[in-house]
Amino acid sequence: MDAFCLQALIREAQPVLRGAKIIRAVQPDRWSLLLFFQRGRGPGGFRLSVRPGDPAVALLPRPREIPHSPSRFADVVTSQTKGALVEGIEQLGLERIVALRLKGGAVPDAAMTLYAEMLGPRGTLVLVDRPSGTVIGRLRSPSRPGSASISGPDQAYRPPPDRGRVDPRGVREGEFHQLVRPRVEAGIEAARVLLTCFTGFSQVMAAELVARAGLSLPAAPDEQARSLWKPFRELIDRVSEGLFEPRLLIGDDAAFRSEGVV
């Protein structure tokens, strides 16, 4: 799931989750957290998974009791957020990071954010006290360089670094050419350039954009940059406006390969 799919899922979840009251949290497996909530006249569930290769954001209209193991993190989330109201859910930039904002709970005027960092093997869930910015609880200790000092509770939460990539939603044609052309001139494959220059792209979406550009090899760097610009802008405009359409990507052998929304 790339950041574009994630944005579509968050848009769908926003009106359902806003105003929901948290009842409790359980951990179905080592990578996931399931929040049970009450909204209006009925119960609901919201699952966040940071499993490498298979992250998930899922609303469960009629959640059932599912097998789960005792979990210190789920116990911490329940103890702090039981009775809290969901203020909203958002995506950080155009990254695979979800932020669920909560108000109330164990302390009536508490303000917390539950972050889901869907970053492959480095993925984790973190509950943060919003006013102080400190960690209340963490699903897994961080493994990224320089993060050892923020592994425990009461330490400052720091979002993962963006590795110098640019949010594509604000990029204009001149800047696009300035970013893309030198990397293509250096011999970097066009799909790889998109992955390393801009946030949001998965390998599948980068390859799809190159295909839409109709690039032929070999092509001059200027030609590649010009060919990429139009499908890049069309794609990002659709993402910015929330014009999502589900897509299933099927291989030549008729096997499911991936999913997309644009």
C-alpha atoms as a PDB file:
ATOM      1  CA  MET A   1       0.000   0.000   0.000  1.00  0.00           C
ATOM      2  CA  ASP A   2       1.482   3.311  -1.045  1.00  0.00           C
ATOM      3  CA  ALA A   3       0.789   6.730   0.446  1.00  0.00           C
ATOM      4  CA  PHE A   4      -1.821   7.462  -2.238  1.00  0.00           C
ATOM      5  CA  CYS A   5      -3.888   4.416  -1.207  1.00  0.00           C
ATOM      6  CA  LEU A   6      -3.455   5.422   2.415  1.00  0.00           C
ATOM      7  CA  GLN A   7      -4.811   8.905   1.744  1.00  0.00           C
ATOM      8  CA  ALA A   8      -7.910   7.433   0.101  1.00  0.00           C
ATOM      9  CA  LEU A   9      -8.533   5.128   3.072  1.00  0.00           C
ATOM     10  CA  ILE A  10      -8.126   7.979   5.549  1.00  0.00           C
ATOM     11  CA  ARG A  11     -10.641  10.109   3.627  1.00  0.00           C
ATOM     12  CA  GLU A  12     -13.165   7.278   3.901  1.00  0.00           C
ATOM     13  CA  ALA A  13     -12.489   6.692   7.600  1.00  0.00           C
ATOM     14  CA  GLN A  14     -12.621  10.350   8.681  1.00  0.00           C
ATOM     15  CA  PRO A  15     -16.433  10.839   8.867  1.00  0.00           C
ATOM     16  CA  VAL A  16     -16.919   7.475  10.589  1.00  0.00           C
ATOM     17  CA  LEU A  17     -14.258   7.933  13.241  1.00  0.00           C
ATOM     18  CA  ARG A  18     -14.797  11.586  14.122  1.00  0.00           C
ATOM     19  CA  GLY A  19     -16.653  11.731  17.438  1.00  0.00           C
ATOM     20  CA  ALA A  20     -16.300   7.995  18.152  1.00  0.00           C
ATOM     21  CA  LYS A  21     -15.721   7.001  21.778  1.00  0.00           C
ATOM     22  CA  ILE A  22     -12.909   4.559  22.467  1.00  0.00           C
ATOM     23  CA  ILE A  23     -13.898   1.516  24.527  1.00  0.00           C
ATOM     24  CA  ARG A  24     -10.711  -0.545  24.567  1.00  0.00           C
ATOM     25  CA  ALA A  25      -7.773  -1.794  22.515  1.00  0.00           C
ATOM     26  CA  VAL A  26      -6.474  -5.291  21.781  1.00  0.00           C
ATOM     27  CA  GLN A  27      -3.483  -6.529  19.840  1.00  0.00           C
ATOM     28  CA  PRO A  28      -4.508  -9.304  17.381  1.00  0.00           C
ATOM     29  CA  ASP A  29      -0.888  -9.945  16.360  1.00  0.00           C
ATOM     30  CA  ARG A  30       2.556  -8.470  16.876  1.00  0.00           C
ATOM     31  CA  TRP A  31       2.045  -5.807  14.166  1.00  0.00           C
ATOM     32  CA  SER A  32      -1.568  -4.692  14.718  1.00  0.00           C
ATOM     33  CA  LEU A  33      -3.844  -2.812  17.074  1.00  0.00           C
ATOM     34  CA  LEU A  34      -7.631  -3.038  17.058  1.00  0.00           C
ATOM     35  CA  LEU A  35      -9.578  -0.196  18.666  1.00  0.00           C
ATOM     36  CA  PHE A  36     -13.166  -0.892  19.716  1.00  0.00           C
ATOM     37  CA  PHE A  37     -15.322   2.219  19.740  1.00  0.00           C
ATOM     38  CA  GLN A  38     -18.902   3.361  20.202  1.00  0.00           C
ATOM     39  CA  ARG A  39     -20.501   5.807  17.822  1.00  0.00           C
ATOM     40  CA  GLY A  40     -24.175   6.750  17.697  1.00  0.00           C
ATOM     41  CA  ARG A  41     -26.218   3.645  18.413  1.00  0.00           C
ATOM     42  CA  GLY A  42     -23.724   0.990  17.508  1.00  0.00           C
ATOM     43  CA  PRO A  43     -20.229  -0.328  18.136  1.00  0.00           C
ATOM     44  CA  GLY A  44     -17.401  -0.302  15.637  1.00  0.00           C
ATOM     45  CA  GLY A  45     -13.784  -1.230  15.252  1.00  0.00           C
ATOM     46  CA  PHE A  46     -10.713   0.320  13.695  1.00  0.00           C
ATOM     47  CA  ARG A  47      -7.662  -1.748  12.851  1.00  0.00           C
ATOM     48  CA  LEU A  48      -4.187  -0.372  12.275  1.00  0.00           C
ATOM     49  CA  SER A  49      -1.447  -2.713  11.100  1.00  0.00           C
ATOM     50  CA  VAL A  50       2.181  -1.885  10.400  1.00  0.00           C
ATOM     51  CA  ARG A  51       3.044  -5.387   9.185  1.00  0.00           C
ATOM     52  CA  PRO A  52       5.940  -5.164   6.665  1.00  0.00           C
ATOM     53  CA  GLY A  53       4.628  -5.683   3.150  1.00  0.00           C
ATOM     54  CA  ASP A  54       1.008  -5.732   4.283  1.00  0.00           C
ATOM     55  CA  PRO A  55       0.088  -2.594   6.269  1.00  0.00           C
ATOM     56  CA  ALA A  56      -3.595  -1.915   6.814  1.00  0.00           C
ATOM     57  CA  VAL A  57      -6.124   0.723   7.805  1.00  0.00           C
ATOM     58  CA  ALA A  58      -9.535  -0.887   8.159  1.00  0.00           C
ATOM     59  CA  LEU A  59     -12.933   0.017   9.585  1.00  0.00           C
ATOM     60  CA  LEU A  60     -14.863  -2.917  11.031  1.00  0.00           C
ATOM     61  CA  PRO A  61     -18.608  -2.086  11.173  1.00  0.00           C
ATOM     62  CA  ARG A  62     -19.471  -5.047  13.423  1.00  0.00           C
ATOM     63  CA  PRO A  63     -16.277  -6.088  15.191  1.00  0.00           C
ATOM     64  CA  ARG A  64     -16.270  -9.513  16.785  1.00  0.00           C
ATOM     65  CA  GLU A  65     -14.120 -10.827  19.541  1.00  0.00           C
ATOM     66  CA  ILE A  66     -10.955 -12.079  17.893  1.00  0.00           C
ATOM     67  CA  PRO A  67      -8.099 -14.140  19.298  1.00  0.00           C
ATOM     68  CA  HIS A  68      -5.467 -11.953  20.854  1.00  0.00           C
ATOM     69  CA  SER A  69      -2.608 -12.255  23.276  1.00  0.00           C
ATOM     70  CA  PRO A  70      -1.889 -10.177  26.363  1.00  0.00           C
ATOM     71  CA  SER A  71      -0.122  -7.009  25.283  1.00  0.00           C
ATOM     72  CA  ARG A  72       1.530  -4.346  27.357  1.00  0.00           C
ATOM     73  CA  PHE A  73       1.064  -1.814  24.553  1.00  0.00           C
ATOM     74  CA  ALA A  74      -2.659  -2.586  24.158  1.00  0.00           C
ATOM     75  CA  ASP A  75      -3.073  -2.339  27.943  1.00  0.00           C
ATOM     76  CA  VAL A  76      -1.374   1.071  27.943  1.00  0.00           C
ATOM     77  CA  VAL A  77      -3.556   2.304  25.078  1.00  0.00           C
ATOM     78  CA  THR A  78      -6.713   1.058  26.810  1.00  0.00           C
ATOM     79  CA  SER A  79      -5.784   2.575  30.165  1.00  0.00           C
ATOM     80  CA  GLN A  80      -5.010   5.969  28.633  1.00  0.00           C
ATOM     81  CA  THR A  81      -7.687   6.229  25.933  1.00  0.00           C
ATOM     82  CA  LYS A  82     -10.749   4.459  27.350  1.00  0.00           C
ATOM     83  CA  GLY A  83     -13.566   6.989  27.082  1.00  0.00           C
ATOM     84  CA  ALA A  84     -11.568   9.297  24.803  1.00  0.00           C
ATOM     85  CA  LEU A  85     -13.232  10.821  21.737  1.00  0.00           C
ATOM     86  CA  VAL A  86     -11.691  10.700  18.283  1.00  0.00           C
ATOM     87  CA  GLU A  87     -11.078  14.241  17.063  1.00  0.00           C
ATOM     88  CA  GLY A  88      -9.911  13.178  13.634  1.00  0.00           C
ATOM     89  CA  ILE A  89      -7.528  11.101  11.579  1.00  0.00           C
ATOM     90  CA  GLU A  90      -4.941  12.429   9.171  1.00  0.00           C
ATOM     91  CA  GLN A  91      -1.894  11.530   7.147  1.00  0.00           C
ATOM     92  CA  LEU A  92       1.435  13.166   7.892  1.00  0.00           C
ATOM     93  CA  GLY A  93       2.435  14.896   4.688  1.00  0.00           C
ATOM     94  CA  LEU A  94       2.298  12.339   1.912  1.00  0.00           C
ATOM     95  CA  GLU A  95       4.014   9.633   3.950  1.00  0.00           C
ATOM     96  CA  ARG A  96       2.771   6.244   5.115  1.00  0.00           C
ATOM     97  CA  ILE A  97       2.155   7.610   8.590  1.00  0.00           C
ATOM     98  CA  VAL A  98      -1.311   7.831  10.137  1.00  0.00           C
ATOM     99  CA  ALA A  99      -2.146  10.131  13.043  1.00  0.00           C
ATOM    100  CA  LEU A 100      -5.313   9.423  15.064  1.00  0.00           C
ATOM    101  CA  ARG A 101      -6.071  12.409  17.309  1.00  0.00           C
ATOM    102  CA  LEU A 102      -7.841  11.724  20.614  1.00  0.00           C
ATOM    103  CA  LYS A 103      -9.286  13.932  23.356  1.00  0.00           C
ATOM    104  CA  GLY A 104     -10.050  12.888  26.929  1.00  0.00           C
ATOM    105  CA  GLY A 105      -9.675   9.398  28.318  1.00  0.00           C
ATOM    106  CA  ALA A 106      -8.111   8.551  31.683  1.00  0.00           C
ATOM    107  CA  VAL A 107      -7.530  12.285  32.182  1.00  0.00           C
ATOM    108  CA  PRO A 108     -10.599  14.299  31.076  1.00  0.00           C
ATOM    109  CA  ASP A 109      -8.653  17.076  29.364  1.00  0.00           C
ATOM    110  CA  ALA A 110      -5.917  14.858  27.928  1.00  0.00           C
ATOM    111  CA  ALA A 111      -4.916  15.239  24.270  1.00  0.00           C
ATOM    112  CA  MET A 112      -3.167  12.323  22.598  1.00  0.00           C
ATOM    113  CA  THR A 113      -2.164  11.145  19.143  1.00  0.00           C
ATOM    114  CA  LEU A 114      -1.787   7.531  18.083  1.00  0.00           C
ATOM    115  CA  TYR A 115       0.745   7.288  15.254  1.00  0.00           C
ATOM    116  CA  ALA A 116       0.974   4.328  12.892  1.00  0.00           C
ATOM    117  CA  GLU A 117       4.300   4.369  11.047  1.00  0.00           C
ATOM    118  CA  MET A 118       3.810   1.985   8.094  1.00  0.00           C
ATOM    119  CA  LEU A 119       7.460   1.850   7.119  1.00  0.00           C
ATOM    120  CA  GLY A 120       8.214  -1.802   6.450  1.00  0.00           C
ATOM    121  CA  PRO A 121      10.517  -3.474   8.996  1.00  0.00           C
ATOM    122  CA  ARG A 122      10.837  -0.128  10.809  1.00  0.00           C
ATOM    123  CA  GLY A 123       7.071   0.150  11.254  1.00  0.00           C
ATOM    124  CA  THR A 124       5.588   0.751  14.685  1.00  0.00           C
ATOM    125  CA  LEU A 125       2.658   2.265  16.597  1.00  0.00           C
ATOM    126  CA  VAL A 126       3.256   5.069  19.081  1.00  0.00           C
ATOM    127  CA  LEU A 127       0.892   6.755  21.545  1.00  0.00           C
ATOM    128  CA  VAL A 128       1.984  10.328  22.251  1.00  0.00           C
ATOM    129  CA  ASP A 129       0.880  12.993  24.734  1.00  0.00           C
ATOM    130  CA  ARG A 130       0.190  15.897  22.397  1.00  0.00           C
ATOM    131  CA  PRO A 131       0.846  18.921  24.677  1.00  0.00           C
ATOM    132  CA  SER A 132       4.262  17.667  25.800  1.00  0.00           C
ATOM    133  CA  GLY A 133       5.127  15.677  22.689  1.00  0.00           C
ATOM    134  CA  THR A 134       6.329  12.759  24.810  1.00  0.00           C
ATOM    135  CA  VAL A 135       5.817   9.060  24.197  1.00  0.00           C
ATOM    136  CA  ILE A 136       3.246   7.306  26.395  1.00  0.00           C
ATOM    137  CA  GLY A 137       3.706   3.875  24.870  1.00  0.00           C
ATOM    138  CA  ARG A 138       5.278   2.231  21.845  1.00  0.00           C
ATOM    139  CA  LEU A 139       4.496  -1.039  20.098  1.00  0.00           C
ATOM    140  CA  ARG A 140       8.069  -1.729  19.069  1.00  0.00           C
ATOM    141  CA  SER A 141      11.381  -0.101  19.861  1.00  0.00           C
ATOM    142  CA  PRO A 142      12.582   2.047  16.974  1.00  0.00           C
ATOM    143  CA  SER A 143      15.328   0.618  14.789  1.00  0.00           C
ATOM    144  CA  ARG A 144      16.207   3.652  12.690  1.00  0.00           C
ATOM    145  CA  PRO A 145      19.651   5.223  13.187  1.00  0.00           C
ATOM    146  CA  GLY A 146      19.918   7.711  16.000  1.00  0.00           C
ATOM    147  CA  SER A 147      16.592   6.715  17.550  1.00  0.00           C
ATOM    148  CA  ALA A 148      17.797   4.820  20.598  1.00  0.00           C
ATOM    149  CA  SER A 149      17.221   7.858  22.794  1.00  0.00           C
ATOM    150  CA  ILE A 150      13.461   7.897  22.072  1.00  0.00           C
ATOM    151  CA  SER A 151      12.675   4.210  22.627  1.00  0.00           C
ATOM    152  CA  GLY A 152      10.954   4.544  25.977  1.00  0.00           C
ATOM    153  CA  PRO A 153       8.017   6.336  27.557  1.00  0.00           C
ATOM    154  CA  ASP A 154       8.414   9.961  28.604  1.00  0.00           C
ATOM    155  CA  GLN A 155      10.884  10.600  25.775  1.00  0.00           C
ATOM    156  CA  ALA A 156      10.192  13.043  22.936  1.00  0.00           C
ATOM    157  CA  TYR A 157       8.452  11.613  19.881  1.00  0.00           C
ATOM    158  CA  ARG A 158      10.138  12.349  16.584  1.00  0.00           C
ATOM    159  CA  PRO A 159       8.529  11.364  13.284  1.00  0.00           C
ATOM    160  CA  PRO A 160      10.743   9.340  10.935  1.00  0.00           C
ATOM    161  CA  PRO A 161      12.979  11.468   8.684  1.00  0.00           C
ATOM    162  CA  ASP A 162      11.754  12.109   5.132  1.00  0.00           C
ATOM    163  CA  ARG A 163      15.230  11.374   3.659  1.00  0.00           C
ATOM    164  CA  GLY A 164      15.248  14.687   1.836  1.00  0.00           C
ATOM    165  CA  ARG A 165      12.311  13.882  -0.434  1.00  0.00           C
ATOM    166  CA  VAL A 166       9.855  16.549  -1.605  1.00  0.00           C
ATOM    167  CA  ASP A 167       6.072  16.558  -1.220  1.00  0.00           C
ATOM    168  CA  PRO A 168       4.950  16.336  -4.873  1.00  0.00           C
ATOM    169  CA  ARG A 169       1.717  18.271  -4.298  1.00  0.00           C
ATOM    170  CA  GLY A 170       3.561  21.588  -4.244  1.00  0.00           C
ATOM    171  CA  VAL A 171       5.989  20.908  -7.097  1.00  0.00           C
ATOM    172  CA  ARG A 172       5.784  23.043 -10.240  1.00  0.00           C
ATOM    173  CA  GLU A 173       7.207  22.205 -13.649  1.00  0.00           C
ATOM    174  CA  GLY A 174      10.484  24.095 -13.273  1.00  0.00           C
ATOM    175  CA  GLU A 175      11.281  22.511  -9.925  1.00  0.00           C
ATOM    176  CA  PHE A 176      10.308  19.090 -11.270  1.00  0.00           C
ATOM    177  CA  HIS A 177      12.845  19.399 -14.091  1.00  0.00           C
ATOM    178  CA  GLN A 178      15.515  20.653 -11.682  1.00  0.00           C
ATOM    179  CA  LEU A 179      14.998  17.613  -9.463  1.00  0.00           C
ATOM    180  CA  VAL A 180      14.577  14.938 -12.112  1.00  0.00           C
ATOM    181  CA  ARG A 181      16.958  15.852 -14.940  1.00  0.00           C
ATOM    182  CA  PRO A 182      20.281  15.733 -12.982  1.00  0.00           C
ATOM    183  CA  ARG A 183      19.433  12.327 -11.551  1.00  0.00           C
ATOM    184  CA  VAL A 184      18.506  10.938 -14.961  1.00  0.00           C
ATOM    185  CA  GLU A 185      21.761  12.383 -16.328  1.00  0.00           C
ATOM    186  CA  ALA A 186      23.579  10.510 -13.558  1.00  0.00           C
ATOM    187  CA  GLY A 187      22.201   7.266 -14.945  1.00  0.00           C
ATOM    188  CA  ILE A 188      19.458   6.656 -12.379  1.00  0.00           C
ATOM    189  CA  GLU A 189      16.417   4.840 -13.756  1.00  0.00           C
ATOM    190  CA  ALA A 190      13.338   7.077 -14.096  1.00  0.00           C
ATOM    191  CA  ALA A 191      11.191   5.042 -11.674  1.00  0.00           C
ATOM    192  CA  ARG A 192      13.988   5.152  -9.108  1.00  0.00           C
ATOM    193  CA  VAL A 193      14.230   8.920  -9.527  1.00  0.00           C
ATOM    194  CA  LEU A 194      10.544   9.302  -8.626  1.00  0.00           C
ATOM    195  CA  LEU A 195      10.980   7.089  -5.553  1.00  0.00           C
ATOM    196  CA  THR A 196      13.975   8.997  -4.233  1.00  0.00           C
ATOM    197  CA  CYS A 197      12.855  12.533  -5.129  1.00  0.00           C
ATOM    198  CA  PHE A 198       9.227  12.593  -4.014  1.00  0.00           C
ATOM    199  CA  THR A 199       7.205  11.343  -1.066  1.00  0.00           C
ATOM    200  CA  GLY A 200       4.222   9.068  -1.601  1.00  0.00           C
ATOM    201  CA  PHE A 201       5.470   6.825  -4.389  1.00  0.00           C
ATOM    202  CA  SER A 202       5.696   3.051  -4.191  1.00  0.00           C
ATOM    203  CA  GLN A 203       7.681   0.985  -6.670  1.00  0.00           C
ATOM    204  CA  VAL A 204       4.447  -0.015  -8.404  1.00  0.00           C
ATOM    205  CA  MET A 205       3.180   3.559  -8.764  1.00  0.00           C
ATOM    206  CA  ALA A 206       6.558   4.841  -9.929  1.00  0.00           C
ATOM    207  CA  ALA A 207       6.685   2.143 -12.608  1.00  0.00           C
ATOM    208  CA  GLU A 208       3.090   2.964 -13.600  1.00  0.00           C
ATOM    209  CA  LEU A 209       3.948   6.639 -14.047  1.00  0.00           C
ATOM    210  CA  VAL A 210       6.931   5.758 -16.243  1.00  0.00           C
ATOM    211  CA  ALA A 211       4.642   3.562 -18.342  1.00  0.00           C
ATOM    212  CA  ARG A 212       2.095   6.375 -18.680  1.00  0.00           C
ATOM    213  CA  ALA A 213       4.899   8.668 -19.852  1.00  0.00           C
ATOM    214  CA  GLY A 214       5.618   6.279 -22.722  1.00  0.00           C
ATOM    215  CA  LEU A 215       9.361   6.578 -22.242  1.00  0.00           C
ATOM    216  CA  SER A 216      11.546   4.861 -24.784  1.00  0.00           C
ATOM    217  CA  LEU A 217      15.090   3.810 -24.040  1.00  0.00           C
ATOM    218  CA  PRO A 218      17.495   5.313 -24.588  1.00  0.00           C
ATOM    219  CA  ALA A 219      16.044   8.805 -24.292  1.00  0.00           C
ATOM    220  CA  ALA A 220      17.853  12.056 -23.513  1.00  0.00           C
ATOM    221  CA  PRO A 221      17.511  13.302 -19.894  1.00  0.00           C
ATOM    222  CA  ASP A 222      15.580  16.407 -21.014  1.00  0.00           C
ATOM    223  CA  GLU A 223      13.168  14.251 -22.999  1.00  0.00           C
ATOM    224  CA  GLN A 224      12.627  11.888 -20.065  1.00  0.00           C
ATOM    225  CA  ALA A 225      11.920  14.785 -17.685  1.00  0.00           C
ATOM    226  CA  ARG A 226       9.482  16.385 -20.143  1.00  0.00           C
ATOM    227  CA  SER A 227       7.719  13.071 -20.776  1.00  0.00           C
ATOM    228  CA  LEU A 228       7.318  12.394 -17.068  1.00  0.00           C
ATOM    229  CA  TRP A 229       5.959  15.817 -16.169  1.00  0.00           C
ATOM    230  CA  LYS A 230       2.448  15.534 -17.676  1.00  0.00           C
ATOM    231  CA  PRO A 231       1.457  12.157 -16.136  1.00  0.00           C
ATOM    232  CA  PHE A 232       3.143  13.225 -12.877  1.00  0.00           C
ATOM    233  CA  ARG A 233       1.039  16.400 -12.693  1.00  0.00           C
ATOM    234  CA  GLU A 234      -2.165  14.577 -13.657  1.00  0.00           C
ATOM    235  CA  LEU A 235      -1.572  11.965 -10.974  1.00  0.00           C
ATOM    236  CA  ILE A 236      -0.738  14.444  -8.210  1.00  0.00           C
ATOM    237  CA  ASP A 237      -3.712  16.660  -9.113  1.00  0.00           C
ATOM    238  CA  ARG A 238      -6.022  13.659  -8.683  1.00  0.00           C
ATOM    239  CA  VAL A 239      -4.414  12.850  -5.341  1.00  0.00           C
ATOM    240  CA  SER A 240      -4.716  16.458  -4.151  1.00  0.00           C
ATOM    241  CA  GLU A 241      -8.407  16.599  -5.102  1.00  0.00           C
ATOM    242  CA  GLY A 242      -9.212  13.183  -3.663  1.00  0.00           C
ATOM    243  CA  LEU A 243     -10.285  11.741  -7.016  1.00  0.00           C
ATOM    244  CA  PHE A 244      -9.599   8.116  -6.216  1.00  0.00           C
ATOM    245  CA  GLU A 245     -10.736   5.056  -8.150  1.00  0.00           C
ATOM    246  CA  PRO A 246      -9.932   1.510  -6.964  1.00  0.00           C
ATOM    247  CA  ARG A 247      -7.559  -0.465  -9.167  1.00  0.00           C
ATOM    248  CA  LEU A 248      -6.452  -4.108  -9.082  1.00  0.00           C
ATOM    249  CA  LEU A 249      -3.183  -4.868 -10.834  1.00  0.00           C
ATOM    250  CA  ILE A 250      -3.110  -8.323 -12.403  1.00  0.00           C
ATOM    251  CA  GLY A 251      -0.017  -9.969 -13.874  1.00  0.00           C
ATOM    252  CA  ASP A 252       0.280 -11.818 -17.179  1.00  0.00           C
ATOM    253  CA  ASP A 253      -0.387 -15.054 -15.306  1.00  0.00           C
ATOM    254  CA  ALA A 254      -3.733 -13.639 -14.061  1.00  0.00           C
ATOM    255  CA  ALA A 255      -2.378 -13.505 -10.519  1.00  0.00           C
ATOM    256  CA  PHE A 256      -3.077 -10.551  -8.222  1.00  0.00           C
ATOM    257  CA  ARG A 257      -0.065  -8.246  -8.012  1.00  0.00           C
ATOM    258  CA  SER A 258      -1.077  -5.103  -6.184  1.00  0.00           C
ATOM    259  CA  GLU A 259      -3.811  -2.551  -5.650  1.00  0.00           C
ATOM    260  CA  GLY A 260      -4.070   1.154  -6.281  1.00  0.00           C
ATOM    261  CA  VAL A 261      -6.493   4.047  -6.219  1.00  0.00           C
ATOM    262  CA  VAL A 262      -5.464   6.364  -9.068  1.00  0.00           C
END
